[in-house]
Amino acid sequence: MLVGICEDDASIRNLLGQALRFAGHEVVTAHDGAEALRLFGADSSIEVLVMDIGLPDSDGRDVLQALRSAGQPAPVLFLTALGAVHERLAGFSAGGDDYVAKPFDVKELIARVEALGRRGRGALNTPDGLELDPAGHAVRTAHGEVLLTPTEFRMLAAITSRPGEVVRRRTVVAAAWPDGAIVSENTIDSFMRRVRAKLESIDSPVSIETVRGVGFRIR
């Protein structure tokens, strides 16, 4: 397989790269979120991603949602020092497929990567002309760029990273707020109005439709 590794700690990055190559896989490495977006986009041949959450320029969960929104379907294993349950749940809510906390056993991690590779994912039908920047919490189109709050960014990413789906409100809340947060329907709708207004300000090629009683989808 071709495995992408995004890890800012050079010693861990090199260890994983060597172990995966020894196991017979090819490896491409990135040291931060910006490099991951450049190397692991939809036009790459990456089959599995190993993504650190605590990156120097962004949250790895936001990077994953940006990659998903750009059409990258590869399964992702999150690698992080944050082992609390609510952190693991946040990783899965962001679209992760597996989760390993540091310190880890290299043999187990490779076994998990290979299992993800066997399972794989199908191709994504993603929105054209919309680019998410997880480091700056911004969204871009051919007509400009607009800044989002972290919550707005994660709400938008939760929807655009699941093209073709009606994304339930609870899924959006899980992606944008800490686990266990009590978020009212009015709060969700208020945030969504702000996201829509910002998309309209840069002539976004897609809009967010409310599916009454269920959630949201792009169109």
N, C-alpha and C. Protein backbone atom coordinates (compact mmCIF):
# COMPACT_ATOMS: atom_id res chain seq x y z
N MET A 1 0.84 -1.20 0.00
CA MET A 1 0.00 0.00 0.00
C MET A 1 0.87 1.24 0.00
N LEU A 2 0.27 2.35 -0.40
CA LEU A 2 0.90 3.66 -0.24
C LEU A 2 0.26 4.34 0.96
N VAL A 3 1.06 4.58 1.99
CA VAL A 3 0.57 5.11 3.26
C VAL A 3 1.08 6.54 3.45
N GLY A 4 0.20 7.45 3.77
CA GLY A 4 0.58 8.82 4.10
C GLY A 4 0.68 8.99 5.60
N ILE A 5 1.75 9.62 6.05
CA ILE A 5 1.94 9.89 7.48
C ILE A 5 2.06 11.39 7.68
N CYS A 6 1.24 11.95 8.54
CA CYS A 6 1.36 13.36 8.91
C CYS A 6 1.62 13.41 10.41
N GLU A 7 2.86 13.72 10.77
CA GLU A 7 3.31 13.72 12.16
C GLU A 7 4.42 14.75 12.30
N ASP A 8 4.28 15.68 13.25
CA ASP A 8 5.27 16.74 13.38
C ASP A 8 6.52 16.31 14.13
N ASP A 9 6.44 15.24 14.92
CA ASP A 9 7.61 14.74 15.65
C ASP A 9 8.45 13.90 14.69
N ALA A 10 9.65 14.39 14.37
CA ALA A 10 10.49 13.73 13.37
C ALA A 10 10.86 12.31 13.77
N SER A 11 11.10 12.08 15.07
CA SER A 11 11.50 10.74 15.50
C SER A 11 10.36 9.74 15.30
N ILE A 12 9.13 10.15 15.64
CA ILE A 12 7.99 9.25 15.44
C ILE A 12 7.72 9.07 13.95
N ARG A 13 7.80 10.15 13.19
CA ARG A 13 7.58 10.08 11.75
C ARG A 13 8.56 9.11 11.09
N ASN A 14 9.83 9.22 11.46
CA ASN A 14 10.85 8.34 10.88
C ASN A 14 10.66 6.89 11.31
N LEU A 15 10.31 6.69 12.59
CA LEU A 15 10.07 5.34 13.09
C LEU A 15 8.94 4.67 12.33
N LEU A 16 7.82 5.38 12.19
CA LEU A 16 6.68 4.81 11.47
C LEU A 16 7.03 4.54 10.01
N GLY A 17 7.72 5.49 9.39
CA GLY A 17 8.09 5.31 7.99
C GLY A 17 8.96 4.09 7.79
N GLN A 18 9.95 3.91 8.65
CA GLN A 18 10.85 2.76 8.53
C GLN A 18 10.09 1.46 8.77
N ALA A 19 9.22 1.44 9.77
CA ALA A 19 8.48 0.22 10.09
C ALA A 19 7.54 -0.17 8.96
N LEU A 20 6.86 0.80 8.37
CA LEU A 20 5.93 0.51 7.28
C LEU A 20 6.68 0.06 6.03
N ARG A 21 7.81 0.68 5.76
CA ARG A 21 8.62 0.24 4.60
C ARG A 21 9.13 -1.18 4.81
N PHE A 22 9.55 -1.48 6.04
CA PHE A 22 10.02 -2.83 6.35
C PHE A 22 8.90 -3.85 6.16
N ALA A 23 7.66 -3.43 6.40
CA ALA A 23 6.50 -4.31 6.22
C ALA A 23 6.07 -4.41 4.76
N GLY A 24 6.78 -3.69 3.88
CA GLY A 24 6.51 -3.82 2.45
C GLY A 24 5.67 -2.72 1.83
N HIS A 25 5.45 -1.64 2.56
CA HIS A 25 4.60 -0.56 2.05
C HIS A 25 5.44 0.63 1.60
N GLU A 26 4.85 1.44 0.74
CA GLU A 26 5.45 2.72 0.36
C GLU A 26 4.91 3.79 1.29
N VAL A 27 5.71 4.82 1.53
CA VAL A 27 5.35 5.84 2.51
C VAL A 27 5.61 7.24 1.95
N VAL A 28 4.66 8.15 2.19
CA VAL A 28 4.83 9.57 1.93
C VAL A 28 4.60 10.29 3.25
N THR A 29 5.50 11.21 3.63
CA THR A 29 5.38 11.85 4.94
C THR A 29 5.17 13.36 4.82
N ALA A 30 4.47 13.89 5.81
CA ALA A 30 4.25 15.34 5.93
C ALA A 30 4.47 15.72 7.38
N HIS A 31 4.94 16.94 7.62
CA HIS A 31 5.23 17.36 9.00
C HIS A 31 4.19 18.29 9.58
N ASP A 32 3.26 18.79 8.76
CA ASP A 32 2.19 19.64 9.29
C ASP A 32 0.97 19.56 8.39
N GLY A 33 -0.10 20.26 8.79
CA GLY A 33 -1.34 20.18 8.05
C GLY A 33 -1.26 20.73 6.65
N ALA A 34 -0.53 21.83 6.46
CA ALA A 34 -0.40 22.43 5.13
C ALA A 34 0.26 21.46 4.16
N GLU A 35 1.31 20.79 4.63
CA GLU A 35 2.00 19.83 3.76
C GLU A 35 1.10 18.62 3.48
N ALA A 36 0.31 18.21 4.48
CA ALA A 36 -0.61 17.09 4.28
C ALA A 36 -1.64 17.42 3.21
N LEU A 37 -2.18 18.63 3.24
CA LEU A 37 -3.15 19.02 2.22
C LEU A 37 -2.52 19.02 0.84
N ARG A 38 -1.27 19.40 0.77
CA ARG A 38 -0.56 19.46 -0.52
C ARG A 38 -0.23 18.06 -1.05
N LEU A 39 0.16 17.15 -0.15
CA LEU A 39 0.63 15.83 -0.58
C LEU A 39 -0.46 14.77 -0.64
N PHE A 40 -1.51 14.92 0.17
CA PHE A 40 -2.48 13.84 0.33
C PHE A 40 -3.84 14.16 -0.27
N GLY A 41 -3.90 15.07 -1.22
CA GLY A 41 -5.17 15.45 -1.83
C GLY A 41 -5.80 14.32 -2.62
N ALA A 42 -6.95 14.61 -3.21
CA ALA A 42 -7.72 13.58 -3.92
C ALA A 42 -6.97 13.04 -5.13
N ASP A 43 -6.04 13.82 -5.69
CA ASP A 43 -5.31 13.36 -6.87
C ASP A 43 -4.10 12.50 -6.51
N SER A 44 -3.86 12.29 -5.22
CA SER A 44 -2.78 11.41 -4.80
C SER A 44 -3.26 9.96 -4.82
N SER A 45 -2.32 9.02 -4.67
CA SER A 45 -2.68 7.59 -4.68
C SER A 45 -2.65 7.00 -3.27
N ILE A 46 -2.75 7.87 -2.27
CA ILE A 46 -2.71 7.41 -0.88
C ILE A 46 -3.85 6.44 -0.61
N GLU A 47 -3.51 5.33 0.06
CA GLU A 47 -4.52 4.31 0.36
C GLU A 47 -4.94 4.32 1.83
N VAL A 48 -4.03 4.74 2.72
CA VAL A 48 -4.34 4.89 4.14
C VAL A 48 -3.57 6.09 4.65
N LEU A 49 -4.19 6.85 5.56
CA LEU A 49 -3.53 7.99 6.18
C LEU A 49 -3.36 7.75 7.68
N VAL A 50 -2.18 8.08 8.19
CA VAL A 50 -1.93 8.13 9.63
C VAL A 50 -1.76 9.60 9.98
N MET A 51 -2.66 10.14 10.77
CA MET A 51 -2.73 11.58 11.00
C MET A 51 -2.60 11.92 12.49
N ASP A 52 -1.57 12.68 12.82
CA ASP A 52 -1.44 13.19 14.18
C ASP A 52 -2.49 14.29 14.39
N ILE A 53 -3.06 14.36 15.59
CA ILE A 53 -4.04 15.41 15.86
C ILE A 53 -3.36 16.72 16.24
N GLY A 54 -2.32 16.65 17.07
CA GLY A 54 -1.67 17.86 17.57
C GLY A 54 -0.60 18.38 16.63
N LEU A 55 -1.01 18.91 15.48
CA LEU A 55 -0.06 19.44 14.51
C LEU A 55 0.31 20.88 14.84
N PRO A 56 1.48 21.34 14.40
CA PRO A 56 1.92 22.69 14.79
C PRO A 56 1.10 23.81 14.17
N ASP A 57 0.45 23.57 13.03
CA ASP A 57 -0.28 24.65 12.36
C ASP A 57 -1.79 24.48 12.39
N SER A 58 -2.29 23.33 12.81
CA SER A 58 -3.73 23.09 12.79
C SER A 58 -4.05 21.82 13.56
N ASP A 59 -5.34 21.59 13.74
CA ASP A 59 -5.83 20.36 14.37
C ASP A 59 -5.96 19.30 13.29
N GLY A 60 -5.38 18.12 13.52
CA GLY A 60 -5.45 17.07 12.52
C GLY A 60 -6.86 16.69 12.13
N ARG A 61 -7.82 16.86 13.05
CA ARG A 61 -9.21 16.55 12.72
C ARG A 61 -9.75 17.54 11.69
N ASP A 62 -9.34 18.80 11.79
CA ASP A 62 -9.76 19.78 10.79
C ASP A 62 -9.08 19.51 9.45
N VAL A 63 -7.83 19.07 9.49
CA VAL A 63 -7.12 18.72 8.25
C VAL A 63 -7.83 17.58 7.55
N LEU A 64 -8.25 16.56 8.31
CA LEU A 64 -8.96 15.45 7.71
C LEU A 64 -10.25 15.91 7.05
N GLN A 65 -11.01 16.76 7.72
CA GLN A 65 -12.27 17.21 7.13
C GLN A 65 -12.02 18.01 5.86
N ALA A 66 -10.94 18.79 5.84
CA ALA A 66 -10.59 19.51 4.62
C ALA A 66 -10.22 18.54 3.50
N LEU A 67 -9.48 17.49 3.83
CA LEU A 67 -9.12 16.48 2.83
C LEU A 67 -10.36 15.75 2.32
N ARG A 68 -11.27 15.42 3.23
CA ARG A 68 -12.50 14.76 2.82
C ARG A 68 -13.31 15.67 1.88
N SER A 69 -13.38 16.96 2.24
CA SER A 69 -14.13 17.90 1.42
C SER A 69 -13.50 18.06 0.04
N ALA A 70 -12.18 17.85 -0.04
CA ALA A 70 -11.47 17.94 -1.32
C ALA A 70 -11.53 16.64 -2.10
N GLY A 71 -12.13 15.59 -1.53
CA GLY A 71 -12.32 14.36 -2.28
C GLY A 71 -11.41 13.22 -1.91
N GLN A 72 -10.66 13.32 -0.81
CA GLN A 72 -9.76 12.24 -0.39
C GLN A 72 -10.56 11.20 0.40
N PRO A 73 -10.72 9.98 -0.15
CA PRO A 73 -11.54 8.98 0.52
C PRO A 73 -10.76 7.99 1.39
N ALA A 74 -9.43 8.08 1.44
CA ALA A 74 -8.63 7.07 2.14
C ALA A 74 -9.01 6.98 3.61
N PRO A 75 -9.07 5.78 4.17
CA PRO A 75 -9.33 5.64 5.61
C PRO A 75 -8.19 6.27 6.41
N VAL A 76 -8.53 6.76 7.60
CA VAL A 76 -7.58 7.51 8.41
C VAL A 76 -7.49 6.93 9.81
N LEU A 77 -6.25 6.76 10.26
CA LEU A 77 -5.97 6.39 11.64
C LEU A 77 -5.39 7.61 12.34
N PHE A 78 -6.08 8.08 13.39
CA PHE A 78 -5.58 9.21 14.15
C PHE A 78 -4.56 8.73 15.17
N LEU A 79 -3.47 9.47 15.26
CA LEU A 79 -2.39 9.17 16.19
C LEU A 79 -2.21 10.39 17.08
N THR A 80 -2.32 10.20 18.40
CA THR A 80 -2.29 11.37 19.27
C THR A 80 -1.91 11.03 20.70
N ALA A 81 -1.43 12.02 21.40
CA ALA A 81 -1.15 11.89 22.83
C ALA A 81 -2.41 12.06 23.65
N LEU A 82 -3.49 12.49 23.02
CA LEU A 82 -4.75 12.74 23.72
C LEU A 82 -5.58 11.45 23.73
N GLY A 83 -5.59 10.77 24.85
CA GLY A 83 -6.24 9.47 24.90
C GLY A 83 -7.58 9.45 25.59
N ALA A 84 -8.08 10.61 26.01
CA ALA A 84 -9.37 10.66 26.70
C ALA A 84 -10.50 10.26 25.77
N VAL A 85 -11.57 9.73 26.36
CA VAL A 85 -12.70 9.25 25.55
C VAL A 85 -13.26 10.35 24.67
N HIS A 86 -13.43 11.55 25.24
CA HIS A 86 -14.04 12.62 24.44
C HIS A 86 -13.15 13.02 23.27
N GLU A 87 -11.82 12.86 23.41
CA GLU A 87 -10.93 13.15 22.29
C GLU A 87 -11.08 12.09 21.20
N ARG A 88 -11.21 10.84 21.60
CA ARG A 88 -11.40 9.77 20.62
C ARG A 88 -12.71 9.95 19.88
N LEU A 89 -13.75 10.30 20.62
CA LEU A 89 -15.05 10.53 19.98
C LEU A 89 -14.98 11.68 18.99
N ALA A 90 -14.24 12.74 19.33
CA ALA A 90 -14.09 13.87 18.41
C ALA A 90 -13.38 13.43 17.14
N GLY A 91 -12.41 12.53 17.26
CA GLY A 91 -11.72 12.03 16.08
C GLY A 91 -12.65 11.25 15.17
N PHE A 92 -13.49 10.41 15.75
CA PHE A 92 -14.44 9.65 14.93
C PHE A 92 -15.48 10.58 14.31
N SER A 93 -15.91 11.59 15.05
CA SER A 93 -16.88 12.54 14.52
C SER A 93 -16.33 13.32 13.35
N ALA A 94 -15.01 13.52 13.33
CA ALA A 94 -14.37 14.24 12.23
C ALA A 94 -14.16 13.37 11.01
N GLY A 95 -14.51 12.10 11.08
CA GLY A 95 -14.38 11.22 9.93
C GLY A 95 -13.25 10.22 10.02
N GLY A 96 -12.62 10.11 11.20
CA GLY A 96 -11.56 9.12 11.38
C GLY A 96 -12.12 7.71 11.42
N ASP A 97 -11.26 6.74 11.10
CA ASP A 97 -11.68 5.34 11.06
C ASP A 97 -11.08 4.52 12.20
N ASP A 98 -9.98 4.98 12.77
CA ASP A 98 -9.36 4.28 13.88
C ASP A 98 -8.55 5.30 14.69
N TYR A 99 -8.11 4.90 15.87
CA TYR A 99 -7.51 5.85 16.81
C TYR A 99 -6.50 5.12 17.67
N VAL A 100 -5.26 5.60 17.70
CA VAL A 100 -4.22 5.02 18.54
C VAL A 100 -3.58 6.12 19.36
N ALA A 101 -3.50 5.92 20.67
CA ALA A 101 -2.91 6.91 21.56
C ALA A 101 -1.43 6.61 21.77
N LYS A 102 -0.64 7.67 21.89
CA LYS A 102 0.77 7.52 22.21
C LYS A 102 0.92 7.31 23.73
N PRO A 103 1.90 6.51 24.16
CA PRO A 103 2.81 5.69 23.35
C PRO A 103 2.08 4.48 22.78
N PHE A 104 2.57 3.95 21.67
CA PHE A 104 1.89 2.86 21.00
C PHE A 104 2.88 1.75 20.65
N ASP A 105 2.33 0.59 20.37
CA ASP A 105 3.13 -0.54 19.90
C ASP A 105 3.17 -0.48 18.37
N VAL A 106 4.37 -0.44 17.80
CA VAL A 106 4.51 -0.27 16.35
C VAL A 106 3.86 -1.41 15.59
N LYS A 107 4.02 -2.64 16.08
CA LYS A 107 3.43 -3.79 15.37
C LYS A 107 1.91 -3.69 15.34
N GLU A 108 1.32 -3.27 16.45
CA GLU A 108 -0.14 -3.12 16.48
C GLU A 108 -0.59 -2.02 15.52
N LEU A 109 0.15 -0.91 15.51
CA LEU A 109 -0.23 0.19 14.62
C LEU A 109 -0.18 -0.25 13.16
N ILE A 110 0.86 -0.99 12.78
CA ILE A 110 0.96 -1.46 11.40
C ILE A 110 -0.20 -2.41 11.08
N ALA A 111 -0.56 -3.28 12.02
CA ALA A 111 -1.68 -4.18 11.81
C ALA A 111 -2.98 -3.41 11.59
N ARG A 112 -3.15 -2.33 12.35
CA ARG A 112 -4.35 -1.50 12.19
C ARG A 112 -4.35 -0.79 10.83
N VAL A 113 -3.20 -0.29 10.42
CA VAL A 113 -3.08 0.36 9.11
C VAL A 113 -3.42 -0.63 7.99
N GLU A 114 -2.90 -1.81 8.09
CA GLU A 114 -3.16 -2.82 7.05
C GLU A 114 -4.62 -3.23 7.03
N ALA A 115 -5.25 -3.30 8.21
CA ALA A 115 -6.67 -3.62 8.26
C ALA A 115 -7.50 -2.53 7.59
N LEU A 116 -7.14 -1.27 7.82
CA LEU A 116 -7.84 -0.17 7.16
C LEU A 116 -7.65 -0.23 5.66
N GLY A 117 -6.44 -0.58 5.22
CA GLY A 117 -6.17 -0.67 3.80
C GLY A 117 -6.99 -1.75 3.12
N ARG A 118 -7.20 -2.86 3.79
CA ARG A 118 -8.02 -3.94 3.22
C ARG A 118 -9.47 -3.51 3.10
N ARG A 119 -9.91 -2.70 4.06
CA ARG A 119 -11.31 -2.26 4.06
C ARG A 119 -11.53 -1.16 3.03
N GLY A 120 -10.63 -0.17 3.02
CA GLY A 120 -10.69 0.91 2.04
C GLY A 120 -11.96 1.73 2.13
N ARG A 121 -12.08 2.66 1.20
CA ARG A 121 -13.28 3.49 1.07
C ARG A 121 -13.57 3.69 -0.41
N GLY A 122 -14.81 4.03 -0.71
CA GLY A 122 -15.15 4.35 -2.09
C GLY A 122 -14.78 5.79 -2.40
N ALA A 123 -14.91 6.15 -3.66
CA ALA A 123 -14.62 7.52 -4.09
C ALA A 123 -15.69 8.48 -3.56
N LEU A 124 -15.28 9.73 -3.35
CA LEU A 124 -16.21 10.75 -2.88
C LEU A 124 -16.61 11.67 -4.02
N ASN A 125 -17.87 12.04 -4.04
CA ASN A 125 -18.34 13.03 -5.00
C ASN A 125 -18.35 14.37 -4.29
N THR A 126 -17.31 15.18 -4.49
CA THR A 126 -17.11 16.37 -3.68
C THR A 126 -17.49 17.64 -4.41
N PRO A 127 -17.77 18.70 -3.66
CA PRO A 127 -18.16 19.97 -4.29
C PRO A 127 -16.98 20.62 -5.00
N ASP A 128 -17.18 21.01 -6.25
CA ASP A 128 -16.13 21.69 -7.00
C ASP A 128 -16.07 23.16 -6.61
N GLY A 129 -14.86 23.70 -6.63
CA GLY A 129 -14.69 25.13 -6.45
C GLY A 129 -14.74 25.61 -5.02
N LEU A 130 -14.68 24.70 -4.05
CA LEU A 130 -14.71 25.07 -2.65
C LEU A 130 -13.49 24.47 -1.98
N GLU A 131 -12.68 25.31 -1.33
CA GLU A 131 -11.45 24.85 -0.68
C GLU A 131 -11.46 25.25 0.78
N LEU A 132 -11.27 24.28 1.66
CA LEU A 132 -11.24 24.55 3.09
C LEU A 132 -9.80 24.61 3.59
N ASP A 133 -9.50 25.62 4.40
CA ASP A 133 -8.17 25.81 4.96
C ASP A 133 -8.25 25.60 6.47
N PRO A 134 -7.81 24.43 6.97
CA PRO A 134 -7.95 24.15 8.40
C PRO A 134 -7.00 24.95 9.27
N ALA A 135 -5.87 25.39 8.72
CA ALA A 135 -4.93 26.18 9.52
C ALA A 135 -5.48 27.57 9.80
N GLY A 136 -6.08 28.19 8.79
CA GLY A 136 -6.63 29.53 8.95
C GLY A 136 -8.10 29.57 9.25
N HIS A 137 -8.76 28.38 9.32
CA HIS A 137 -10.21 28.31 9.49
C HIS A 137 -10.89 29.23 8.48
N ALA A 138 -10.53 29.01 7.22
CA ALA A 138 -11.05 29.84 6.13
C ALA A 138 -11.63 28.93 5.05
N VAL A 139 -12.45 29.52 4.21
CA VAL A 139 -12.97 28.81 3.04
C VAL A 139 -12.75 29.72 1.84
N ARG A 140 -12.35 29.11 0.71
CA ARG A 140 -12.02 29.88 -0.49
C ARG A 140 -12.83 29.38 -1.68
N THR A 141 -13.12 30.32 -2.57
CA THR A 141 -13.66 30.01 -3.88
C THR A 141 -12.86 30.82 -4.89
N ALA A 142 -13.22 30.72 -6.15
CA ALA A 142 -12.55 31.51 -7.18
C ALA A 142 -12.80 33.00 -6.99
N HIS A 143 -13.79 33.34 -6.18
CA HIS A 143 -14.18 34.75 -6.02
C HIS A 143 -13.66 35.38 -4.73
N GLY A 144 -12.98 34.61 -3.90
CA GLY A 144 -12.44 35.21 -2.69
C GLY A 144 -12.32 34.22 -1.55
N GLU A 145 -12.01 34.78 -0.39
CA GLU A 145 -11.80 33.98 0.83
C GLU A 145 -12.52 34.64 1.98
N VAL A 146 -13.05 33.83 2.88
CA VAL A 146 -13.70 34.37 4.06
C VAL A 146 -13.27 33.54 5.26
N LEU A 147 -13.07 34.22 6.40
CA LEU A 147 -12.67 33.56 7.63
C LEU A 147 -13.89 33.05 8.38
N LEU A 148 -13.74 31.87 8.98
CA LEU A 148 -14.78 31.28 9.81
C LEU A 148 -14.27 31.13 11.24
N THR A 149 -15.17 31.08 12.18
CA THR A 149 -14.76 30.71 13.53
C THR A 149 -14.47 29.20 13.51
N PRO A 150 -13.74 28.69 14.52
CA PRO A 150 -13.52 27.23 14.55
C PRO A 150 -14.82 26.43 14.52
N THR A 151 -15.84 26.91 15.23
CA THR A 151 -17.12 26.19 15.23
C THR A 151 -17.76 26.22 13.86
N GLU A 152 -17.77 27.39 13.22
CA GLU A 152 -18.34 27.50 11.87
C GLU A 152 -17.60 26.61 10.89
N PHE A 153 -16.27 26.60 11.00
CA PHE A 153 -15.47 25.78 10.09
C PHE A 153 -15.84 24.31 10.24
N ARG A 154 -15.95 23.84 11.47
CA ARG A 154 -16.22 22.42 11.69
C ARG A 154 -17.64 22.05 11.29
N MET A 155 -18.58 22.97 11.44
CA MET A 155 -19.93 22.72 10.96
C MET A 155 -19.93 22.57 9.44
N LEU A 156 -19.30 23.51 8.76
CA LEU A 156 -19.25 23.45 7.30
C LEU A 156 -18.52 22.19 6.84
N ALA A 157 -17.38 21.89 7.47
CA ALA A 157 -16.59 20.73 7.07
C ALA A 157 -17.36 19.43 7.30
N ALA A 158 -18.14 19.37 8.37
CA ALA A 158 -18.91 18.16 8.65
C ALA A 158 -19.89 17.86 7.52
N ILE A 159 -20.39 18.91 6.88
CA ILE A 159 -21.36 18.73 5.80
C ILE A 159 -20.66 18.50 4.46
N THR A 160 -19.66 19.33 4.13
CA THR A 160 -18.99 19.19 2.84
C THR A 160 -18.13 17.95 2.75
N SER A 161 -17.72 17.40 3.91
CA SER A 161 -16.92 16.17 3.88
C SER A 161 -17.78 14.92 3.74
N ARG A 162 -19.11 15.10 3.70
CA ARG A 162 -20.03 13.97 3.51
C ARG A 162 -20.96 14.26 2.33
N PRO A 163 -20.38 14.44 1.15
CA PRO A 163 -21.20 14.80 -0.01
C PRO A 163 -22.20 13.71 -0.36
N GLY A 164 -23.37 14.14 -0.79
CA GLY A 164 -24.40 13.18 -1.15
C GLY A 164 -25.22 12.69 0.02
N GLU A 165 -24.83 13.07 1.24
CA GLU A 165 -25.55 12.63 2.43
C GLU A 165 -26.35 13.76 3.04
N VAL A 166 -27.43 13.39 3.70
CA VAL A 166 -28.08 14.33 4.60
C VAL A 166 -27.38 14.15 5.95
N VAL A 167 -26.66 15.17 6.39
CA VAL A 167 -25.87 15.09 7.61
C VAL A 167 -26.76 15.50 8.79
N ARG A 168 -26.96 14.59 9.69
CA ARG A 168 -27.87 14.84 10.79
C ARG A 168 -27.33 15.93 11.73
N ARG A 169 -28.25 16.61 12.37
CA ARG A 169 -27.86 17.70 13.27
C ARG A 169 -26.92 17.21 14.36
N ARG A 170 -27.17 16.03 14.89
CA ARG A 170 -26.31 15.53 15.97
C ARG A 170 -24.89 15.26 15.47
N THR A 171 -24.76 14.92 14.18
CA THR A 171 -23.43 14.72 13.60
C THR A 171 -22.69 16.05 13.49
N VAL A 172 -23.41 17.08 13.09
CA VAL A 172 -22.81 18.42 13.00
C VAL A 172 -22.39 18.90 14.38
N VAL A 173 -23.24 18.68 15.38
CA VAL A 173 -22.91 19.09 16.75
C VAL A 173 -21.69 18.33 17.25
N ALA A 174 -21.64 17.03 17.00
CA ALA A 174 -20.51 16.22 17.45
C ALA A 174 -19.20 16.67 16.83
N ALA A 175 -19.25 17.14 15.59
CA ALA A 175 -18.04 17.60 14.91
C ALA A 175 -17.61 18.99 15.36
N ALA A 176 -18.56 19.82 15.76
CA ALA A 176 -18.25 21.24 16.01
C ALA A 176 -18.13 21.62 17.47
N TRP A 177 -18.72 20.84 18.36
CA TRP A 177 -18.69 21.16 19.79
C TRP A 177 -18.05 20.01 20.57
N PRO A 178 -17.54 20.28 21.79
CA PRO A 178 -16.98 19.21 22.62
C PRO A 178 -18.02 18.16 22.94
N ASP A 179 -17.54 16.93 23.15
CA ASP A 179 -18.45 15.84 23.48
C ASP A 179 -19.24 16.17 24.74
N GLY A 180 -20.53 15.94 24.67
CA GLY A 180 -21.41 16.20 25.80
C GLY A 180 -22.00 17.59 25.85
N ALA A 181 -21.58 18.46 24.93
CA ALA A 181 -22.12 19.83 24.93
C ALA A 181 -23.61 19.80 24.61
N ILE A 182 -24.37 20.62 25.32
CA ILE A 182 -25.80 20.75 25.07
C ILE A 182 -26.00 21.98 24.18
N VAL A 183 -26.40 21.74 22.95
CA VAL A 183 -26.51 22.81 21.96
C VAL A 183 -27.97 22.87 21.50
N SER A 184 -28.58 24.02 21.64
CA SER A 184 -29.99 24.16 21.27
C SER A 184 -30.16 24.22 19.76
N GLU A 185 -31.37 23.91 19.33
CA GLU A 185 -31.68 24.00 17.90
C GLU A 185 -31.49 25.42 17.39
N ASN A 186 -31.87 26.40 18.20
CA ASN A 186 -31.71 27.80 17.79
C ASN A 186 -30.25 28.17 17.61
N THR A 187 -29.37 27.63 18.46
CA THR A 187 -27.95 27.90 18.33
C THR A 187 -27.40 27.31 17.04
N ILE A 188 -27.79 26.08 16.73
CA ILE A 188 -27.35 25.45 15.49
C ILE A 188 -27.79 26.28 14.29
N ASP A 189 -29.06 26.68 14.29
CA ASP A 189 -29.60 27.45 13.16
C ASP A 189 -28.93 28.81 13.04
N SER A 190 -28.61 29.43 14.17
CA SER A 190 -27.95 30.72 14.15
C SER A 190 -26.55 30.61 13.54
N PHE A 191 -25.81 29.61 13.96
CA PHE A 191 -24.48 29.39 13.39
C PHE A 191 -24.58 29.09 11.89
N MET A 192 -25.58 28.29 11.52
CA MET A 192 -25.71 27.91 10.11
C MET A 192 -26.07 29.12 9.25
N ARG A 193 -26.86 30.04 9.77
CA ARG A 193 -27.16 31.26 9.00
C ARG A 193 -25.89 32.05 8.74
N ARG A 194 -25.00 32.11 9.75
CA ARG A 194 -23.75 32.83 9.56
C ARG A 194 -22.85 32.14 8.54
N VAL A 195 -22.83 30.81 8.57
CA VAL A 195 -22.04 30.07 7.58
C VAL A 195 -22.58 30.34 6.18
N ARG A 196 -23.89 30.28 6.02
CA ARG A 196 -24.49 30.53 4.70
C ARG A 196 -24.17 31.94 4.20
N ALA A 197 -24.27 32.91 5.10
CA ALA A 197 -23.98 34.29 4.69
C ALA A 197 -22.54 34.45 4.24
N LYS A 198 -21.62 33.77 4.93
CA LYS A 198 -20.22 33.87 4.54
C LYS A 198 -19.97 33.18 3.21
N LEU A 199 -20.63 32.06 2.97
CA LEU A 199 -20.50 31.40 1.67
C LEU A 199 -21.04 32.29 0.55
N GLU A 200 -22.17 32.92 0.81
CA GLU A 200 -22.75 33.81 -0.21
C GLU A 200 -21.84 34.99 -0.50
N SER A 201 -21.09 35.45 0.52
CA SER A 201 -20.22 36.63 0.32
C SER A 201 -19.08 36.36 -0.64
N ILE A 202 -18.75 35.09 -0.86
CA ILE A 202 -17.67 34.76 -1.81
C ILE A 202 -18.23 33.95 -2.99
N ASP A 203 -19.52 34.12 -3.25
CA ASP A 203 -20.17 33.46 -4.39
C ASP A 203 -19.85 31.97 -4.44
N SER A 204 -20.10 31.29 -3.34
CA SER A 204 -19.82 29.86 -3.27
C SER A 204 -20.61 29.09 -4.34
N PRO A 205 -19.96 28.12 -4.97
CA PRO A 205 -20.67 27.32 -5.98
C PRO A 205 -21.65 26.32 -5.36
N VAL A 206 -21.58 26.15 -4.05
CA VAL A 206 -22.52 25.26 -3.37
C VAL A 206 -23.21 26.02 -2.26
N SER A 207 -24.36 25.54 -1.87
CA SER A 207 -25.09 26.11 -0.74
C SER A 207 -25.49 24.99 0.20
N ILE A 208 -25.92 25.35 1.40
CA ILE A 208 -26.32 24.37 2.40
C ILE A 208 -27.84 24.39 2.51
N GLU A 209 -28.42 23.26 2.28
CA GLU A 209 -29.87 23.10 2.35
C GLU A 209 -30.26 22.46 3.68
N THR A 210 -31.29 23.00 4.30
CA THR A 210 -31.83 22.39 5.51
C THR A 210 -32.86 21.34 5.14
N VAL A 211 -32.68 20.14 5.64
CA VAL A 211 -33.66 19.08 5.47
C VAL A 211 -34.45 19.04 6.77
N ARG A 212 -35.65 19.54 6.71
CA ARG A 212 -36.43 19.77 7.91
C ARG A 212 -36.58 18.50 8.76
N GLY A 213 -36.26 18.65 10.04
CA GLY A 213 -36.41 17.54 10.97
C GLY A 213 -35.28 16.53 10.94
N VAL A 214 -34.33 16.73 10.03
CA VAL A 214 -33.23 15.75 9.90
C VAL A 214 -31.88 16.42 10.07
N GLY A 215 -31.52 17.32 9.13
CA GLY A 215 -30.19 17.92 9.18
C GLY A 215 -29.91 18.80 7.98
N PHE A 216 -28.73 18.63 7.38
CA PHE A 216 -28.29 19.53 6.31
C PHE A 216 -27.60 18.72 5.20
N ARG A 217 -27.59 19.32 4.01
CA ARG A 217 -26.83 18.73 2.92
C ARG A 217 -26.40 19.85 1.97
N ILE A 218 -25.35 19.57 1.21
CA ILE A 218 -24.92 20.55 0.22
C ILE A 218 -25.66 20.33 -1.09
N ARG A 219 -25.80 21.43 -1.82
CA ARG A 219 -26.44 21.31 -3.13
C ARG A 219 -25.79 22.30 -4.09
